[in-house]
């Protein structure tokens, strides 16, 4: 089996093939760490529209999620920190105030757990976070042990775009520091998982104990700096 599996693609166009308008994209990254900038650029160049993007934040400035916002490619943003550091009029803040983009605000821990539930095949989870606030509107509230909890539903993606450190041809991934904050859980919650990596290594080089995302979850891997 190992002799026939090769997740590696040589061009960014191959990496994003089949992703269409209206897709829900789980976009890895924590601030400026772990954002797959090459894949972001490829999506921008492909001109995809009407995207729903799940991200920790609303962009840290070009050339990350901000270029999708500037290009009018995002219909809805689901995130925990929507404030963008971009100073242009195409930043998330300006787009939202102008009514040009939708926002679903989700506390950071809830955001991760919703994706984890999607990957684990669970129907959701109860959390006290958000009880009694605007975040509770329209959600089931249940009293457990004398405390109110909100029902939060799984958050699935059509595709997850991740940045990892190293990969082998089976798609096993290691990460660099905080780049792993969202990538591993996103890899479990999307139908298509695409990783951008700093380097490919020979099969058997990666210490199994250091592999964070196993290759069985990964569909395609492209190296940073590959041809567009």
Foldseek 3Di string as FASTA:
>chain_A
DVVPFFQEDQALCVLCPPDAAQFEEEAFDDQPPWGPLVNLVVCVVVVHAAYEYEYAEQEAEPPGNLSCQVSRRYAEYEHAYHDYNYPDCSGSVNCVVVVSHHYQHDHPVQSLVLLLCLLVVHFWDWALPPPPHPNQPPFDWDADPNGITTTDGHDAGQEYETEFAEAERLGFGAHDPCSVVRVQSNLSRHPAYEYEYQYYDYPPPDDPVRGRHGSVSHRHYYYPPRHD
